[in-house]
Each structure stands twice: as structure tokens, then as C-alpha cells.
Protein backbone atom coordinates (compact mmCIF):
# COMPACT_ATOMS: atom_id res chain seq x y z
CA UNK A 1 92.90 105.77 61.00
CA UNK A 2 96.39 105.72 59.67
CA UNK A 3 96.05 106.21 55.92
CA UNK A 4 98.27 103.87 53.95
CA UNK A 5 97.85 106.13 51.01
CA UNK A 6 97.95 105.01 47.46
CA UNK A 7 95.51 104.61 44.60
CA UNK A 8 95.13 105.20 40.88
CA UNK A 9 92.53 106.79 38.64
CA UNK A 10 91.59 109.50 41.15
CA UNK A 11 88.94 110.79 38.81
CA UNK A 12 86.91 107.56 39.05
CA UNK A 13 83.76 107.83 41.12
CA UNK A 14 83.31 105.55 44.11
CA UNK A 15 80.74 103.24 42.53
CA UNK A 16 82.95 102.58 39.53
CA UNK A 17 85.85 101.82 41.84
CA UNK A 18 83.83 99.26 43.74
CA UNK A 19 82.66 97.55 40.57
CA UNK A 20 86.23 97.41 39.34
CA UNK A 21 87.56 95.83 42.50
CA UNK A 22 84.94 93.11 42.59
CA UNK A 23 86.20 91.90 39.24
CA UNK A 24 89.87 92.25 39.98
CA UNK A 25 91.75 88.97 39.61
CA UNK A 26 93.76 88.09 42.68
CA UNK A 27 97.11 86.33 42.91
CA UNK A 28 97.53 82.55 42.83
CA UNK A 29 97.44 82.57 46.63
CA UNK A 30 93.70 83.11 46.30
CA UNK A 31 93.38 79.38 45.65
CA UNK A 32 93.25 79.08 49.45
CA UNK A 33 89.75 80.53 49.17
CA UNK A 34 86.87 78.67 47.61
CA UNK A 35 84.46 80.08 45.04
CA UNK A 36 81.27 78.88 46.72
CA UNK A 37 78.11 80.37 45.21
CA UNK A 38 76.09 81.57 48.19
CA UNK A 39 73.37 82.90 45.87
CA UNK A 40 72.20 79.33 45.12
CA UNK A 41 71.56 78.39 48.76
CA UNK A 42 67.94 77.98 49.87
CA UNK A 43 69.01 78.49 53.50
CA UNK A 44 71.50 81.11 54.59
CA UNK A 45 74.84 80.68 56.35
CA UNK A 46 75.47 82.75 59.47
CA UNK A 47 78.30 85.17 60.14
CA UNK A 48 79.09 86.86 63.44
CA UNK A 49 81.51 89.81 63.37
CA UNK A 50 83.50 90.45 66.53
CA UNK A 51 84.83 94.01 66.39
CA UNK A 52 88.17 94.08 68.18
CA UNK A 53 90.91 96.31 69.43
CA UNK A 54 94.38 95.19 68.37
CA UNK A 55 95.59 93.42 71.49
CA UNK A 56 99.26 93.50 70.50
CA UNK A 57 99.35 97.32 70.27
CA UNK A 58 100.71 97.45 66.69
CA UNK A 59 99.67 101.10 66.27
CA UNK A 60 98.27 100.38 62.82
CA UNK A 61 95.21 102.60 63.26
CA UNK A 62 95.01 106.36 63.47
CA UNK A 63 93.34 106.03 66.88
CA UNK A 64 94.49 103.17 69.10
CA UNK A 65 93.55 101.96 72.56
CA UNK A 66 96.71 101.08 74.43
CA UNK A 67 96.35 97.63 75.95
CA UNK A 68 98.27 96.39 78.93
CA UNK A 69 99.96 93.01 78.50
CA UNK A 70 97.32 90.44 77.55
CA UNK A 71 99.78 87.66 78.44
CA UNK A 72 99.54 88.65 82.12
CA UNK A 73 97.77 85.96 84.21
CA UNK A 74 94.70 88.10 84.97
CA UNK A 75 94.21 88.97 81.30
CA UNK A 76 94.66 85.33 80.33
CA UNK A 77 91.86 84.31 82.68
CA UNK A 78 89.64 87.01 81.18
CA UNK A 79 90.40 85.84 77.64
CA UNK A 80 89.62 82.25 78.59
CA UNK A 81 86.24 83.41 79.90
CA UNK A 82 85.61 85.44 76.74
CA UNK A 83 86.37 82.42 74.56
CA UNK A 84 84.03 80.31 76.69
CA UNK A 85 81.23 82.79 76.01
CA UNK A 86 81.95 83.04 72.28
CA UNK A 87 81.99 79.25 72.03
CA UNK A 88 78.21 79.34 72.50
CA UNK A 89 77.96 80.73 68.95
CA UNK A 90 79.24 77.31 67.81
CA UNK A 91 81.38 78.60 64.93
CA UNK A 92 82.27 76.18 62.15
CA UNK A 93 84.98 78.47 60.79
CA UNK A 94 87.22 81.19 62.22
CA UNK A 95 88.19 84.12 59.97
CA UNK A 96 90.83 86.73 60.76
CA UNK A 97 91.88 90.22 59.71
CA UNK A 98 95.04 88.87 58.11
CA UNK A 99 95.83 89.17 54.39
CA UNK A 100 94.55 86.11 52.53
CA UNK A 101 97.99 85.57 50.98
CA UNK A 102 99.24 84.49 54.42
CA UNK A 103 96.69 81.67 54.77
CA UNK A 104 99.22 78.84 54.41
CA UNK A 105 101.67 80.52 56.80
CA UNK A 106 99.02 81.14 59.46
CA UNK A 107 97.73 77.59 59.18
CA UNK A 108 101.23 76.21 59.63
CA UNK A 109 101.39 78.22 62.85
CA UNK A 110 97.94 76.98 63.85
CA UNK A 111 99.01 73.37 63.31
CA UNK A 112 102.04 73.99 65.53
CA UNK A 113 99.66 75.33 68.17
CA UNK A 114 97.53 72.19 67.93
CA UNK A 115 100.68 70.11 68.40
CA UNK A 116 101.67 72.13 71.45
CA UNK A 117 104.85 73.54 69.87
CA UNK A 118 103.66 77.15 69.50
CA UNK A 119 102.97 79.62 72.28
CA UNK A 120 100.19 82.09 71.57
CA UNK A 121 101.32 85.64 70.85
CA UNK A 122 99.40 88.76 71.85
CA UNK A 123 97.38 89.13 68.64
CA UNK A 124 93.62 88.67 68.86
CA UNK A 125 93.83 86.05 66.10
CA UNK A 126 96.00 83.98 68.45
CA UNK A 127 94.47 84.75 71.82
CA UNK A 128 90.85 84.42 70.74
CA UNK A 129 90.90 82.88 67.27
CA UNK A 130 93.34 80.00 67.74
CA UNK A 131 91.96 79.14 71.18
CA UNK A 132 88.38 78.98 69.98
CA UNK A 133 89.24 77.13 66.76
CA UNK A 134 91.06 74.46 68.77
CA UNK A 135 88.20 74.10 71.23
CA UNK A 136 85.75 73.69 68.36
CA UNK A 137 87.94 71.04 66.71
CA UNK A 138 88.71 73.06 63.58
CA UNK A 139 91.45 71.68 61.35
CA UNK A 140 92.24 75.07 59.79
CA UNK A 141 91.59 78.79 60.06
CA UNK A 142 90.90 81.43 57.40
CA UNK A 143 92.57 84.73 56.50
CA UNK A 144 90.17 87.08 54.69
CA UNK A 145 91.76 90.53 54.71
CA UNK A 146 93.09 92.33 51.64
CA UNK A 147 95.78 94.61 52.97
CA UNK A 148 98.62 96.12 50.98
CA UNK A 149 101.28 98.73 51.63
CA UNK A 150 101.00 100.01 48.10
CA UNK A 151 104.17 102.10 48.26
CA UNK A 152 106.11 98.86 48.81
CA UNK A 153 103.75 96.48 47.00
CA UNK A 154 102.32 98.32 43.97
CA UNK A 155 100.50 95.11 43.01
CA UNK A 156 100.46 96.10 39.34
CA UNK A 157 97.67 98.60 39.99
CA UNK A 158 99.62 101.86 40.29
CA UNK A 159 102.04 103.45 37.82
CA UNK A 160 105.54 104.05 39.13
CA UNK A 161 105.13 107.81 38.70
CA UNK A 162 101.74 107.96 40.45
CA UNK A 163 101.11 111.14 42.47
CA UNK A 164 100.47 109.78 45.96
CA UNK A 165 99.26 113.20 47.12
CA UNK A 166 95.99 112.43 45.34
CA UNK A 167 95.17 109.96 48.13
CA UNK A 168 96.96 111.59 51.08
CA UNK A 169 94.20 113.24 53.15
CA UNK A 170 96.41 113.67 56.22
CA UNK A 171 99.04 115.61 54.32
CA UNK A 172 96.43 117.74 52.55
CA UNK A 173 94.51 118.42 55.77
CA UNK A 174 97.63 119.63 57.54
CA UNK A 175 98.57 121.93 54.66
CA UNK A 176 95.07 123.40 54.26
CA UNK A 177 93.82 123.76 57.85
CA UNK A 178 91.45 120.79 57.58
CA UNK A 179 92.87 118.64 60.35
CA UNK A 180 89.51 118.81 62.13
CA UNK A 181 88.20 116.48 59.41
CA UNK A 182 90.72 113.78 60.24
CA UNK A 183 90.15 111.12 62.88
CA UNK A 184 89.16 112.48 66.26
CA UNK A 185 89.60 110.59 69.54
CA UNK A 186 86.28 109.14 70.66
CA UNK A 187 84.84 110.12 74.00
CA UNK A 188 86.85 108.09 76.47
CA UNK A 189 88.29 108.52 79.90
CA UNK A 190 92.01 108.25 79.52
CA UNK A 191 95.19 109.99 78.56
CA UNK A 192 95.37 110.91 74.87
CA UNK A 193 98.81 111.11 73.29
CA UNK A 194 99.97 111.49 69.72
CA UNK A 195 103.10 110.09 68.10
CA UNK A 196 105.24 112.10 65.71
CA UNK A 197 103.64 110.29 62.76
CA UNK A 198 100.16 111.35 63.88
CA UNK A 199 99.09 108.08 65.49
CA UNK A 200 96.74 108.76 68.40
CA UNK A 201 96.83 106.58 71.51
CA UNK A 202 94.23 106.42 74.27
CA UNK A 203 95.42 104.89 77.52
CA UNK A 204 92.39 104.18 79.74
CA UNK A 205 92.49 105.66 83.21
CA UNK A 206 90.73 102.66 84.71
CA UNK A 207 91.20 98.95 84.23
CA UNK A 208 88.68 97.51 81.77
CA UNK A 209 88.04 93.76 81.74
CA UNK A 210 88.44 92.16 78.31
CA UNK A 211 84.80 91.17 77.91
CA UNK A 212 83.69 94.66 78.93
CA UNK A 213 85.97 96.12 76.28
CA UNK A 214 84.52 93.88 73.58
CA UNK A 215 81.01 94.66 74.73
CA UNK A 216 81.79 98.39 74.39
CA UNK A 217 83.44 98.02 70.97
CA UNK A 218 80.47 96.13 69.53
CA UNK A 219 77.68 98.50 70.55
CA UNK A 220 75.76 99.66 67.42
CA UNK A 221 76.21 103.34 68.25
CA UNK A 222 79.98 102.91 68.54
CA UNK A 223 80.18 100.99 65.27
CA UNK A 224 78.28 103.77 63.49
CA UNK A 225 80.46 106.46 65.09
CA UNK A 226 83.58 104.71 63.77
CA UNK A 227 82.11 104.71 60.27
CA UNK A 228 81.19 108.39 60.52
CA UNK A 229 84.85 109.23 61.15
CA UNK A 230 85.71 107.85 57.72
CA UNK A 231 82.92 109.83 56.08
CA UNK A 232 84.21 112.94 57.81
CA UNK A 233 87.70 112.29 56.46
CA UNK A 234 86.25 111.87 52.97
CA UNK A 235 85.50 115.63 53.02
CA UNK A 236 89.19 116.57 53.06
CA UNK A 237 89.95 118.48 49.87
CA UNK A 238 89.27 121.69 47.97
CA UNK A 239 87.95 122.47 44.51
CA UNK A 240 88.70 119.58 42.20
CA UNK A 241 91.01 117.94 44.74
CA UNK A 242 89.49 115.01 46.67
CA UNK A 243 92.28 113.27 48.61
CA UNK A 244 89.88 112.27 51.39
CA UNK A 245 87.22 110.82 49.10
CA UNK A 246 89.91 109.15 47.01
CA UNK A 247 91.37 107.38 50.03
CA UNK A 248 88.04 106.41 51.58
CA UNK A 249 86.53 105.34 48.26
CA UNK A 250 89.44 103.70 46.50
CA UNK A 251 91.24 102.15 49.47
CA UNK A 252 88.99 101.84 52.52
CA UNK A 253 85.76 100.82 50.78
CA UNK A 254 87.69 98.61 48.37
CA UNK A 255 89.48 96.79 51.18
CA UNK A 256 86.26 96.08 53.06
CA UNK A 257 84.46 94.99 49.92
CA UNK A 258 87.23 92.49 49.24
CA UNK A 259 86.95 91.22 52.81
CA UNK A 260 83.26 90.59 52.08
CA UNK A 261 84.15 88.79 48.84
CA UNK A 262 86.73 86.67 50.65
CA UNK A 263 84.10 85.69 53.21
CA UNK A 264 81.85 84.48 50.39
CA UNK A 265 84.77 82.44 49.05
CA UNK A 266 85.21 80.50 52.29
CA UNK A 267 81.47 79.86 52.58
CA UNK A 268 80.73 76.30 51.50
CA UNK A 269 77.41 75.45 53.11
CA UNK A 270 74.25 77.01 54.49
CA UNK A 271 75.28 75.31 57.73
CA UNK A 272 78.43 77.44 57.97
CA UNK A 273 78.67 79.59 61.08
CA UNK A 274 81.62 81.90 60.51
CA UNK A 275 83.12 84.01 63.29
CA UNK A 276 85.10 86.95 61.90
CA UNK A 277 87.51 88.71 64.27
CA UNK A 278 88.36 92.12 62.84
CA UNK A 279 89.23 95.67 63.85
CA UNK A 280 86.11 97.46 65.10
CA UNK A 281 86.42 100.15 62.42
CA UNK A 282 85.68 97.57 59.71
CA UNK A 283 82.46 96.25 61.23
CA UNK A 284 80.01 98.78 59.76
CA UNK A 285 80.97 98.25 56.12
CA UNK A 286 81.55 94.49 56.23
CA UNK A 287 78.23 94.03 57.99
CA UNK A 288 76.51 96.29 55.47
CA UNK A 289 77.90 94.33 52.53
CA UNK A 290 76.88 91.01 54.10
CA UNK A 291 73.35 92.20 54.88
CA UNK A 292 72.84 93.96 51.56
CA UNK A 293 73.94 90.84 49.67
CA UNK A 294 70.91 89.02 51.03
CA UNK A 295 73.00 85.85 51.25
CA UNK A 296 73.79 85.75 54.97
CA UNK A 297 72.31 85.93 58.42
CA UNK A 298 74.44 88.40 60.38
CA UNK A 299 74.34 87.71 64.10
CA UNK A 300 75.38 90.24 66.75
CA UNK A 301 78.04 89.13 69.25
CA UNK A 302 76.39 91.06 72.09
CA UNK A 303 74.25 88.13 73.22
CA UNK A 304 77.38 86.07 73.76
CA UNK A 305 79.37 88.94 75.24
CA UNK A 306 76.57 89.44 77.74
CA UNK A 307 76.85 85.79 78.73
CA UNK A 308 73.36 84.82 77.61
CA UNK A 309 72.85 81.10 77.25
CA UNK A 310 75.74 80.10 79.53
């Protein structure tokens, strides 16, 4: 959980922050997303969330599983089998953990892939998303993340003189002997290493087939454990200082709530069957928002990962 710290109005409570973000007006790029009203549907569209590791090893999380090269022939065969199993869900739309502002760019790349002029990279959006979208005959794909490096992209939300320490739980934890509240490596057999910037890597001791990895990542107990790590980090702070709660409330919850909103904006019909591929740490909150909205059927990927129906 690498905290890309930054937020304003640290004294706002979490609920107020969430209400604010729902009403926030996005950039013109948001026109790539529809404004479908799911609340008026008599039947409900279906969404399946596939919690994923980042196959390209970008090191963007605080705790990362180190993947061997997914372009290797054996891994490619495993991915082809995984896609075959996921195809049984019969998705009508593919959604990715990529900022929505990149929708046009990603679809240009997808069109090149359809034409045979683009070779798939290591990202899960390519290896799983593009493959499956092509097999299902989709003309486009969807980017639904809301991800900003606020120090480089203030987005009009933060004053130039904002005190970033207010939302820097890692820095505060290190200075106040609260590092035990930061992300802890899950129970796993493998070598655990830590980079100078605090990023934790777990390199499995034994080879794990791709489908087995996805089956492990999408177990309910693992999804809840990931969420509990964020709630633990929220406790970082002392007295009237709440850097952990500020980061979790203002950034993490806000980001996942906007992912939920973006999913509603690409929903056009009760017949939609959307497959969202996203980092496993996001699954708990996005699923909670979808279920609590009452507007969707949320289907588990485990049936397909177990090969049922093939």
C-alpha cells in the first residue's frame, strides 16, 4: 500500500468527504463515460470483479507479489486457459484499473491490437482484458479508475501551500514508532524484501500457475484481510493528528467510490455483464459500493476460476 499522499480539508469527517466526491465535476474527458441511470432499471445488470496482481511488476502497491515473466511460453498458455474460463461469464464490457482520462488512448491501442499491429504487453489489462474483449467481439474497452499523483497533478483540489504531512501515514508512523500499523506482508511462503522507499516485495518460493494465483487472490477471506490492512493504517496518528484516517478516508475511499461511480456511467442496460479487472486490494470496497447501491448483481469469479461450466 504505497500511499500517494495528498488531500485537503483534513478536518472533514469521512462521510462528508465521500458526499463531496460524489458530486465533484470531472474533466471533459469524462464524456467517454455515459450517465446511465441504473436506478430506473427493473432488472439489474451484472458485474464480476476479478481481483488481480499487477502482472507487469510496476511496484505501485506497498506489498507486491513479484511475478516471473508472463510473456514466457508457459505463462502464455496459462493465461490463454484463464481467459477461456473467464469467457464463460460472457462479459458484454471489459473495464480496467486505468484512469478514465486515458480511455481514448487505451482504445486506440485496443484497435491496433484488433488489427494485429500491437503486441500485448505484460499488464493484466492487455494479457487478460484485451484478449477476452477481442474473443467476445467487443468494439471498445472501458477505463474506470480515478488515479492521480496529486503532488504532480493538484487537480484544482489542493492549495499550493498544502501541508502534505496531514495525509502521510508512512512518514508519521516512522517518526512515532507506529510502523506496525502500516501494511504488513500477508502470510505467504516466499522471500520478503523491502526497497529503500518502503515497497515490500514477496517472491514466491514455489511456482504458482496463473489460475491458481487468481483463485487465491479472490477468496473472500483474502479480500477482507486486504481491506483490514487499510483500516489498520487508518489508526496511524496521535492526539488531533490523523494522517492515517485522512489518507484512507480522503484518498483511498474516495478513489474506490469514484471507480464505482464510473462503473455506473458505463452501464447502459440491464443486460450489461461487466467484467472489471482491478488490483485485489480494491475489491472489498468496490464490491461493497456495488452491493449497497442495490442496482447491481455482483457475481463472484470463483465459479469460473474453478472451471465450472467448461
